[in-house]
PDB file of N, CA and C in Angstrom:
ATOM      1  N   MET A   1      23.433  16.375  -6.137  1.00  0.00           N
ATOM      2  CA  MET A   1      22.483  15.405  -6.986  1.00  0.00           C
ATOM      3  C   MET A   1      20.845  15.688  -6.628  1.00  0.00           C
ATOM      4  N   GLU A   2      20.825  15.480  -7.234  1.00  0.00           N
ATOM      5  CA  GLU A   2      19.102  15.783  -7.811  1.00  0.00           C
ATOM      6  C   GLU A   2      18.594  15.355  -6.981  1.00  0.00           C
ATOM      7  N   LYS A   3      17.206  15.507  -6.602  1.00  0.00           N
ATOM      8  CA  LYS A   3      15.967  14.765  -5.305  1.00  0.00           C
ATOM      9  C   LYS A   3      15.448  14.300  -6.542  1.00  0.00           C
ATOM     10  N   LEU A   4      14.491  12.594  -5.853  1.00  0.00           N
ATOM     11  CA  LEU A   4      14.568  11.537  -6.349  1.00  0.00           C
ATOM     12  C   LEU A   4      13.099  12.206  -6.551  1.00  0.00           C
ATOM     13  N   GLY A   5      12.227  12.353  -5.303  1.00  0.00           N
ATOM     14  CA  GLY A   5      11.336  12.868  -4.776  1.00  0.00           C
ATOM     15  C   GLY A   5      10.475  10.850  -3.809  1.00  0.00           C
ATOM     16  N   ILE A   6       8.824  10.768  -4.527  1.00  0.00           N
ATOM     17  CA  ILE A   6       8.626   9.778  -3.626  1.00  0.00           C
ATOM     18  C   ILE A   6       7.495   9.455  -4.389  1.00  0.00           C
ATOM     19  N   GLU A   7       7.464   9.917  -4.986  1.00  0.00           N
ATOM     20  CA  GLU A   7       5.974   9.390  -6.013  1.00  0.00           C
ATOM     21  C   GLU A   7       5.847   8.061  -6.302  1.00  0.00           C
ATOM     22  N   ASN A   8       7.542   6.989  -6.862  1.00  0.00           N
ATOM     23  CA  ASN A   8       7.448   6.014  -6.723  1.00  0.00           C
ATOM     24  C   ASN A   8       6.799   4.849  -5.650  1.00  0.00           C
ATOM     25  N   THR A   9       7.706   5.557  -4.343  1.00  0.00           N
ATOM     26  CA  THR A   9       7.938   4.550  -3.387  1.00  0.00           C
ATOM     27  C   THR A   9       6.216   4.716  -2.746  1.00  0.00           C
ATOM     28  N   LYS A  10       5.478   6.117  -2.873  1.00  0.00           N
ATOM     29  CA  LYS A  10       3.992   6.325  -2.592  1.00  0.00           C
ATOM     30  C   LYS A  10       3.339   5.146  -3.475  1.00  0.00           C
ATOM     31  N   LYS A  11       3.401   4.621  -4.705  1.00  0.00           N
ATOM     32  CA  LYS A  11       2.852   4.360  -5.461  1.00  0.00           C
ATOM     33  C   LYS A  11       3.311   2.418  -5.191  1.00  0.00           C
ATOM     34  N   VAL A  12       4.300   2.291  -4.745  1.00  0.00           N
ATOM     35  CA  VAL A  12       4.356   0.853  -4.276  1.00  0.00           C
ATOM     36  C   VAL A  12       4.435   0.658  -3.499  1.00  0.00           C
ATOM     37  N   LEU A  13       4.108   1.251  -2.668  1.00  0.00           N
ATOM     38  CA  LEU A  13       3.484   1.512  -0.713  1.00  0.00           C
ATOM     39  C   LEU A  13       1.993   1.341  -0.894  1.00  0.00           C
ATOM     40  N   GLY A  14       1.486   2.290  -1.583  1.00  0.00           N
ATOM     41  CA  GLY A  14      -0.221   1.994  -1.545  1.00  0.00           C
ATOM     42  C   GLY A  14      -0.758   1.162  -2.412  1.00  0.00           C
ATOM     43  N   THR A  15       0.170   0.451  -3.362  1.00  0.00           N
ATOM     44  CA  THR A  15      -0.603  -0.886  -3.827  1.00  0.00           C
ATOM     45  C   THR A  15      -0.365  -2.030  -3.170  1.00  0.00           C
ATOM     46  N   PHE A  16       0.458  -1.728  -2.102  1.00  0.00           N
ATOM     47  CA  PHE A  16       0.701  -3.149  -1.014  1.00  0.00           C
ATOM     48  C   PHE A  16      -0.848  -2.989  -0.342  1.00  0.00           C
ATOM     49  N   LEU A  17      -0.932  -1.717   0.249  1.00  0.00           N
ATOM     50  CA  LEU A  17      -1.282  -1.037   1.862  1.00  0.00           C
ATOM     51  C   LEU A  17      -2.998  -1.586   1.286  1.00  0.00           C
ATOM     52  N   ASP A  18      -3.236  -0.916   0.180  1.00  0.00           N
ATOM     53  CA  ASP A  18      -4.607  -1.471  -0.899  1.00  0.00           C
ATOM     54  C   ASP A  18      -4.306  -2.819  -0.543  1.00  0.00           C
ATOM     55  N   VAL A  19      -4.458  -3.769  -1.225  1.00  0.00           N
ATOM     56  CA  VAL A  19      -4.777  -4.695  -1.665  1.00  0.00           C
ATOM     57  C   VAL A  19      -4.752  -5.531  -0.039  1.00  0.00           C
ATOM     58  N   GLY A  20      -3.126  -5.479   1.011  1.00  0.00           N
ATOM     59  CA  GLY A  20      -3.449  -5.992   2.469  1.00  0.00           C
ATOM     60  C   GLY A  20      -4.780  -5.306   2.874  1.00  0.00           C
ATOM     61  N   LEU A  21      -5.362  -4.131   2.657  1.00  0.00           N
ATOM     62  CA  LEU A  21      -5.941  -3.662   3.634  1.00  0.00           C
ATOM     63  C   LEU A  21      -7.501  -4.404   2.647  1.00  0.00           C
ATOM     64  N   LEU A  22      -7.173  -4.385   1.564  1.00  0.00           N
ATOM     65  CA  LEU A  22      -8.531  -5.004   1.190  1.00  0.00           C
ATOM     66  C   LEU A  22      -8.421  -6.628   1.799  1.00  0.00           C
ATOM     67  N   ALA A  23      -7.285  -7.335   1.922  1.00  0.00           N
ATOM     68  CA  ALA A  23      -7.504  -8.577   2.316  1.00  0.00           C
ATOM     69  C   ALA A  23      -8.120  -8.278   3.909  1.00  0.00           C
ATOM     70  N   TYR A  24      -6.882  -7.610   4.534  1.00  0.00           N
ATOM     71  CA  TYR A  24      -7.903  -7.545   6.044  1.00  0.00           C
ATOM     72  C   TYR A  24      -8.771  -7.730   6.369  1.00  0.00           C
ATOM     73  N   GLN A  25      -9.659  -6.279   5.291  1.00  0.00           N
ATOM     74  CA  GLN A  25     -10.880  -6.339   6.046  1.00  0.00           C
ATOM     75  C   GLN A  25     -12.250  -7.011   5.226  1.00  0.00           C
ATOM     76  N   SER A  26     -11.533  -8.358   3.879  1.00  0.00           N
ATOM     77  CA  SER A  26     -12.809  -9.051   3.857  1.00  0.00           C
ATOM     78  C   SER A  26     -12.917 -10.428   4.536  1.00  0.00           C
ATOM     79  N   TYR A  27     -10.713 -10.170   5.518  1.00  0.00           N
ATOM     80  CA  TYR A  27     -11.366 -11.962   6.947  1.00  0.00           C
ATOM     81  C   TYR A  27     -11.792 -11.312   7.906  1.00  0.00           C
ATOM     82  N   ALA A  28     -11.845  -9.605   8.688  1.00  0.00           N
ATOM     83  CA  ALA A  28     -12.007  -9.443   9.582  1.00  0.00           C
ATOM     84  C   ALA A  28     -13.396  -9.552   9.926  1.00  0.00           C
ATOM     85  N   ASP A  29     -14.388  -9.546   8.591  1.00  0.00           N
ATOM     86  CA  ASP A  29     -15.778  -9.472   8.756  1.00  0.00           C
ATOM     87  C   ASP A  29     -16.408 -10.480   9.356  1.00  0.00           C
ATOM     88  N   ASP A  30     -16.004 -11.384   8.974  1.00  0.00           N
ATOM     89  CA  ASP A  30     -16.420 -12.648   9.834  1.00  0.00           C
ATOM     90  C   ASP A  30     -15.363 -13.766   9.514  1.00  0.00           C
ATOM     91  N   LYS A  31     -14.149 -13.451   9.251  1.00  0.00           N
ATOM     92  CA  LYS A  31     -12.647 -14.573   9.958  1.00  0.00           C
ATOM     93  C   LYS A  31     -12.736 -15.402   8.519  1.00  0.00           C
ATOM     94  N   LYS A  32     -13.326 -15.453   7.741  1.00  0.00           N
ATOM     95  CA  LYS A  32     -13.175 -15.476   6.145  1.00  0.00           C
ATOM     96  C   LYS A  32     -13.234 -14.845   4.771  1.00  0.00           C
ATOM     97  N   ILE A  33     -13.128 -15.446   4.088  1.00  0.00           N
ATOM     98  CA  ILE A  33     -12.917 -14.917   2.920  1.00  0.00           C
ATOM     99  C   ILE A  33     -13.816 -15.401   1.650  1.00  0.00           C
ATOM    100  N   SER A  34     -14.950 -14.711   1.440  1.00  0.00           N
ATOM    101  CA  SER A  34     -16.101 -15.691   0.425  1.00  0.00           C
ATOM    102  C   SER A  34     -15.290 -14.787  -1.126  1.00  0.00           C
ATOM    103  N   THR A  35     -16.270 -16.262  -1.769  1.00  0.00           N
ATOM    104  CA  THR A  35     -15.391 -16.391  -3.365  1.00  0.00           C
ATOM    105  C   THR A  35     -15.656 -14.866  -3.693  1.00  0.00           C
ATOM    106  N   GLY A  36     -17.059 -14.558  -3.463  1.00  0.00           N
ATOM    107  CA  GLY A  36     -16.457 -12.814  -4.357  1.00  0.00           C
ATOM    108  C   GLY A  36     -15.302 -11.606  -4.210  1.00  0.00           C
ATOM    109  N   GLU A  37     -14.473 -11.514  -2.323  1.00  0.00           N
ATOM    110  CA  GLU A  37     -14.105 -11.398  -1.955  1.00  0.00           C
ATOM    111  C   GLU A  37     -12.375 -11.985  -2.428  1.00  0.00           C
ATOM    112  N   ALA A  38     -12.300 -13.534  -2.276  1.00  0.00           N
ATOM    113  CA  ALA A  38     -11.587 -13.779  -3.719  1.00  0.00           C
ATOM    114  C   ALA A  38     -11.201 -13.334  -4.630  1.00  0.00           C
ATOM    115  N   ILE A  39     -12.289 -13.477  -5.199  1.00  0.00           N
ATOM    116  CA  ILE A  39     -12.005 -12.658  -6.839  1.00  0.00           C
ATOM    117  C   ILE A  39     -11.434 -11.271  -6.959  1.00  0.00           C
ATOM    118  N   LYS A  40     -12.899 -10.258  -5.655  1.00  0.00           N
ATOM    119  CA  LYS A  40     -11.639  -8.834  -6.327  1.00  0.00           C
ATOM    120  C   LYS A  40     -10.239  -8.729  -5.585  1.00  0.00           C
ATOM    121  N   LEU A  41      -9.608  -9.896  -4.753  1.00  0.00           N
ATOM    122  CA  LEU A  41      -8.207  -9.928  -4.206  1.00  0.00           C
ATOM    123  C   LEU A  41      -7.868  -9.861  -5.478  1.00  0.00           C
ATOM    124  N   ALA A  42      -8.328 -11.150  -6.480  1.00  0.00           N
ATOM    125  CA  ALA A  42      -7.573 -11.695  -7.537  1.00  0.00           C
ATOM    126  C   ALA A  42      -7.700 -10.682  -8.999  1.00  0.00           C
ATOM    127  N   PHE A  43      -8.752 -10.254  -8.782  1.00  0.00           N
ATOM    128  CA  PHE A  43      -8.427  -8.660  -9.958  1.00  0.00           C
ATOM    129  C   PHE A  43      -7.637  -7.856  -9.563  1.00  0.00           C
ATOM    130  N   LYS A  44      -6.810  -7.715  -7.975  1.00  0.00           N
ATOM    131  CA  LYS A  44      -5.484  -6.314  -7.667  1.00  0.00           C
ATOM    132  C   LYS A  44      -4.057  -7.016  -7.929  1.00  0.00           C
ATOM    133  N   ILE A  45      -4.036  -8.025  -8.373  1.00  0.00           N
ATOM    134  CA  ILE A  45      -2.715  -9.461  -9.479  1.00  0.00           C
ATOM    135  C   ILE A  45      -2.121  -8.537 -10.184  1.00  0.00           C
ATOM    136  N   PRO A  46      -3.223  -7.905 -11.246  1.00  0.00           N
ATOM    137  CA  PRO A  46      -1.377  -7.264 -11.837  1.00  0.00           C
ATOM    138  C   PRO A  46      -1.414  -5.918 -11.122  1.00  0.00           C
ATOM    139  N   ALA A  47      -1.643  -5.173 -10.171  1.00  0.00           N
ATOM    140  CA  ALA A  47      -1.846  -3.822  -9.948  1.00  0.00           C
ATOM    141  C   ALA A  47      -0.271  -4.386  -8.819  1.00  0.00           C
ATOM    142  N   VAL A  48      -0.730  -5.483  -8.457  1.00  0.00           N
ATOM    143  CA  VAL A  48       0.988  -6.029  -7.333  1.00  0.00           C
ATOM    144  C   VAL A  48       1.478  -6.536  -7.931  1.00  0.00           C
ATOM    145  N   TRP A  49       1.938  -7.219  -9.096  1.00  0.00           N
ATOM    146  CA  TRP A  49       2.897  -7.387 -10.506  1.00  0.00           C
ATOM    147  C   TRP A  49       3.252  -5.805 -10.895  1.00  0.00           C
ATOM    148  N   GLY A  50       2.747  -4.874 -11.239  1.00  0.00           N
ATOM    149  CA  GLY A  50       3.516  -3.854 -11.381  1.00  0.00           C
ATOM    150  C   GLY A  50       3.963  -3.171 -10.247  1.00  0.00           C
ATOM    151  N   ALA A  51       3.697  -3.127  -8.731  1.00  0.00           N
ATOM    152  CA  ALA A  51       4.771  -2.491  -7.788  1.00  0.00           C
ATOM    153  C   ALA A  51       5.311  -3.380  -7.672  1.00  0.00           C
ATOM    154  N   ILE A  52       5.492  -5.046  -7.502  1.00  0.00           N
ATOM    155  CA  ILE A  52       7.041  -5.956  -7.399  1.00  0.00           C
ATOM    156  C   ILE A  52       8.023  -5.373  -8.474  1.00  0.00           C
ATOM    157  N   LYS A  53       7.429  -5.046  -9.512  1.00  0.00           N
ATOM    158  CA  LYS A  53       8.582  -4.335 -10.620  1.00  0.00           C
ATOM    159  C   LYS A  53       9.192  -3.237 -10.405  1.00  0.00           C
ATOM    160  N   ASP A  54       8.797  -2.290  -9.906  1.00  0.00           N
ATOM    161  CA  ASP A  54       8.140  -1.005  -9.591  1.00  0.00           C
ATOM    162  C   ASP A  54       9.382  -0.850  -8.393  1.00  0.00           C
ATOM    163  N   VAL A  55       9.528  -2.032  -7.529  1.00  0.00           N
ATOM    164  CA  VAL A  55       9.764  -1.107  -6.290  1.00  0.00           C
ATOM    165  C   VAL A  55      11.206  -1.184  -6.710  1.00  0.00           C
ATOM    166  N   GLY A  56      12.407  -1.638  -7.690  1.00  0.00           N
ATOM    167  CA  GLY A  56      13.564  -1.119  -8.210  1.00  0.00           C
ATOM    168  C   GLY A  56      13.239   0.446  -7.892  1.00  0.00           C
ATOM    169  N   ASP A  57      12.412   1.200  -8.684  1.00  0.00           N
ATOM    170  CA  ASP A  57      12.330   2.728  -8.440  1.00  0.00           C
ATOM    171  C   ASP A  57      11.608   3.055  -7.268  1.00  0.00           C
ATOM    172  N   ALA A  58      11.416   2.638  -6.703  1.00  0.00           N
ATOM    173  CA  ALA A  58      11.062   2.707  -5.148  1.00  0.00           C
ATOM    174  C   ALA A  58      12.769   2.901  -4.566  1.00  0.00           C
ATOM    175  N   ILE A  59      13.496   2.234  -4.369  1.00  0.00           N
ATOM    176  CA  ILE A  59      14.619   1.901  -2.934  1.00  0.00           C
ATOM    177  C   ILE A  59      15.122   3.004  -3.309  1.00  0.00           C
ATOM    178  N   PRO A  60      15.301   3.387  -4.555  1.00  0.00           N
ATOM    179  CA  PRO A  60      16.313   4.790  -4.776  1.00  0.00           C
ATOM    180  C   PRO A  60      15.519   5.795  -3.969  1.00  0.00           C
ATOM    181  N   GLU A  61      14.569   6.456  -4.265  1.00  0.00           N
ATOM    182  CA  GLU A  61      13.759   7.352  -3.489  1.00  0.00           C
ATOM    183  C   GLU A  61      13.710   6.636  -2.381  1.00  0.00           C
ATOM    184  N   ALA A  62      14.105   6.099  -1.596  1.00  0.00           N
ATOM    185  CA  ALA A  62      13.564   5.633  -0.298  1.00  0.00           C
ATOM    186  C   ALA A  62      14.768   6.089   0.261  1.00  0.00           C
ATOM    187  N   LYS A  63      16.092   5.553  -0.534  1.00  0.00           N
ATOM    188  CA  LYS A  63      16.830   6.105   0.560  1.00  0.00           C
ATOM    189  C   LYS A  63      17.727   7.429   0.631  1.00  0.00           C
ATOM    190  N   ASP A  64      16.374   7.591  -0.266  1.00  0.00           N
ATOM    191  CA  ASP A  64      16.755   9.830  -0.682  1.00  0.00           C
ATOM    192  C   ASP A  64      16.234  10.542   0.354  1.00  0.00           C
ATOM    193  N   LEU A  65      15.090   9.920   1.074  1.00  0.00           N
ATOM    194  CA  LEU A  65      14.356  10.480   1.516  1.00  0.00           C
ATOM    195  C   LEU A  65      15.242  12.072   2.542  1.00  0.00           C
ATOM    196  N   ASP A  66      14.316  12.618   2.649  1.00  0.00           N
ATOM    197  CA  ASP A  66      14.812  14.271   3.386  1.00  0.00           C
ATOM    198  C   ASP A  66      14.059  13.944   4.511  1.00  0.00           C
ATOM    199  N   PRO A  67      13.050  14.579   6.216  1.00  0.00           N
ATOM    200  CA  PRO A  67      12.144  15.026   6.746  1.00  0.00           C
ATOM    201  C   PRO A  67      11.669  15.166   6.241  1.00  0.00           C
ATOM    202  N   GLN A  68      11.131  15.894   5.548  1.00  0.00           N
ATOM    203  CA  GLN A  68      10.109  16.399   4.252  1.00  0.00           C
ATOM    204  C   GLN A  68       9.467  15.195   4.466  1.00  0.00           C
ATOM    205  N   GLU A  69       9.957  14.756   2.991  1.00  0.00           N
ATOM    206  CA  GLU A  69      10.163  13.174   2.631  1.00  0.00           C
ATOM    207  C   GLU A  69       9.727  11.985   3.021  1.00  0.00           C
ATOM    208  N   LEU A  70      10.123  12.031   4.129  1.00  0.00           N
ATOM    209  CA  LEU A  70       9.726  11.272   5.442  1.00  0.00           C
ATOM    210  C   LEU A  70       8.194  10.865   6.234  1.00  0.00           C
ATOM    211  N   GLU A  71       8.541  12.827   6.048  1.00  0.00           N
ATOM    212  CA  GLU A  71       6.218  13.478   6.855  1.00  0.00           C
ATOM    213  C   GLU A  71       6.065  12.677   5.878  1.00  0.00           C
ATOM    214  N   GLU A  72       5.619  13.234   4.921  1.00  0.00           N
ATOM    215  CA  GLU A  72       4.791  13.185   3.298  1.00  0.00           C
ATOM    216  C   GLU A  72       4.693  11.782   3.541  1.00  0.00           C
ATOM    217  N   LEU A  73       5.481  10.656   3.603  1.00  0.00           N
ATOM    218  CA  LEU A  73       5.509   9.608   3.675  1.00  0.00           C
ATOM    219  C   LEU A  73       4.741   8.525   4.380  1.00  0.00           C
ATOM    220  N   MET A  74       4.558   9.065   5.655  1.00  0.00           N
ATOM    221  CA  MET A  74       4.227   8.919   7.162  1.00  0.00           C
ATOM    222  C   MET A  74       2.701   9.259   6.698  1.00  0.00           C
ATOM    223  N   ASN A  75       2.364  10.404   6.430  1.00  0.00           N
ATOM    224  CA  ASN A  75       1.634  11.259   6.568  1.00  0.00           C
ATOM    225  C   ASN A  75       0.340  10.099   5.159  1.00  0.00           C
ATOM    226  N   PHE A  76       1.301   9.508   4.332  1.00  0.00           N
ATOM    227  CA  PHE A  76       0.111   8.985   3.424  1.00  0.00           C
ATOM    228  C   PHE A  76       0.031   7.644   3.578  1.00  0.00           C
ATOM    229  N   ILE A  77       0.989   6.990   4.875  1.00  0.00           N
ATOM    230  CA  ILE A  77       1.038   5.828   5.102  1.00  0.00           C
ATOM    231  C   ILE A  77      -0.625   5.792   6.326  1.00  0.00           C
ATOM    232  N   LEU A  78      -0.572   7.151   6.754  1.00  0.00           N
ATOM    233  CA  LEU A  78      -1.538   6.387   7.552  1.00  0.00           C
ATOM    234  C   LEU A  78      -2.998   7.425   6.926  1.00  0.00           C
ATOM    235  N   GLU A  79      -2.457   7.780   6.362  1.00  0.00           N
ATOM    236  CA  GLU A  79      -4.365   8.656   5.299  1.00  0.00           C
ATOM    237  C   GLU A  79      -4.631   6.651   4.933  1.00  0.00           C
ATOM    238  N   LYS A  80      -3.843   6.119   4.722  1.00  0.00           N
ATOM    239  CA  LYS A  80      -4.439   4.327   3.663  1.00  0.00           C
ATOM    240  C   LYS A  80      -4.800   3.762   5.686  1.00  0.00           C
ATOM    241  N   LEU A  81      -3.796   3.948   7.076  1.00  0.00           N
ATOM    242  CA  LEU A  81      -4.204   2.999   7.502  1.00  0.00           C
ATOM    243  C   LEU A  81      -6.213   3.306   8.067  1.00  0.00           C
ATOM    244  N   LYS A  82      -6.459   4.473   8.054  1.00  0.00           N
ATOM    245  CA  LYS A  82      -7.681   4.764   8.661  1.00  0.00           C
ATOM    246  C   LYS A  82      -8.686   3.738   8.563  1.00  0.00           C
ATOM    247  N   VAL A  83      -8.342   3.833   7.917  1.00  0.00           N
ATOM    248  CA  VAL A  83     -10.091   2.720   7.411  1.00  0.00           C
ATOM    249  C   VAL A  83      -9.758   1.606   7.870  1.00  0.00           C
ATOM    250  N   LEU A  84      -8.949   0.997   9.241  1.00  0.00           N
ATOM    251  CA  LEU A  84      -8.779   0.354   9.704  1.00  0.00           C
ATOM    252  C   LEU A  84      -9.356   1.012  11.551  1.00  0.00           C
ATOM    253  N   LYS A  85      -9.838   2.157  11.680  1.00  0.00           N
ATOM    254  CA  LYS A  85      -9.815   2.264  13.172  1.00  0.00           C
ATOM    255  C   LYS A  85     -11.388   1.926  12.893  1.00  0.00           C
ATOM    256  N   GLY A  86     -12.178   1.379  13.498  1.00  0.00           N
ATOM    257  CA  GLY A  86     -13.463   1.098  14.211  1.00  0.00           C
ATOM    258  C   GLY A  86     -13.554  -0.852  13.355  1.00  0.00           C
ATOM    259  N   THR A  87     -12.663  -1.124  12.611  1.00  0.00           N
ATOM    260  CA  THR A  87     -12.859  -2.569  12.412  1.00  0.00           C
ATOM    261  C   THR A  87     -12.526  -3.023  13.277  1.00  0.00           C
ATOM    262  N   GLU A  88     -11.463  -2.797  14.198  1.00  0.00           N
ATOM    263  CA  GLU A  88     -11.456  -4.567  15.285  1.00  0.00           C
ATOM    264  C   GLU A  88     -12.878  -4.698  16.521  1.00  0.00           C
ATOM    265  N   LYS A  89     -12.458  -5.721  16.874  1.00  0.00           N
ATOM    266  CA  LYS A  89     -13.740  -6.609  17.568  1.00  0.00           C
ATOM    267  C   LYS A  89     -13.115  -7.001  19.042  1.00  0.00           C
TER     268      LYS A  89
END
């Protein structure tokens, strides 16, 4: 059986993490989301919609993960989450 890789999984997770982190950082600064920040988030809607549509391609990849791909995926996620370091007050 041919390995599926993890590119779709990384794309989907990356989109959700990017938008979630943008929302978190916008809110974390002053406990509210300004109009400008809301507009930035609104511009992410097409990317989120695309990621939702691509979930079907990511599920088989996630089920097919081997230990090396899992490690690569975890490193990808941890790298994305590094922006949170130091944002907690």
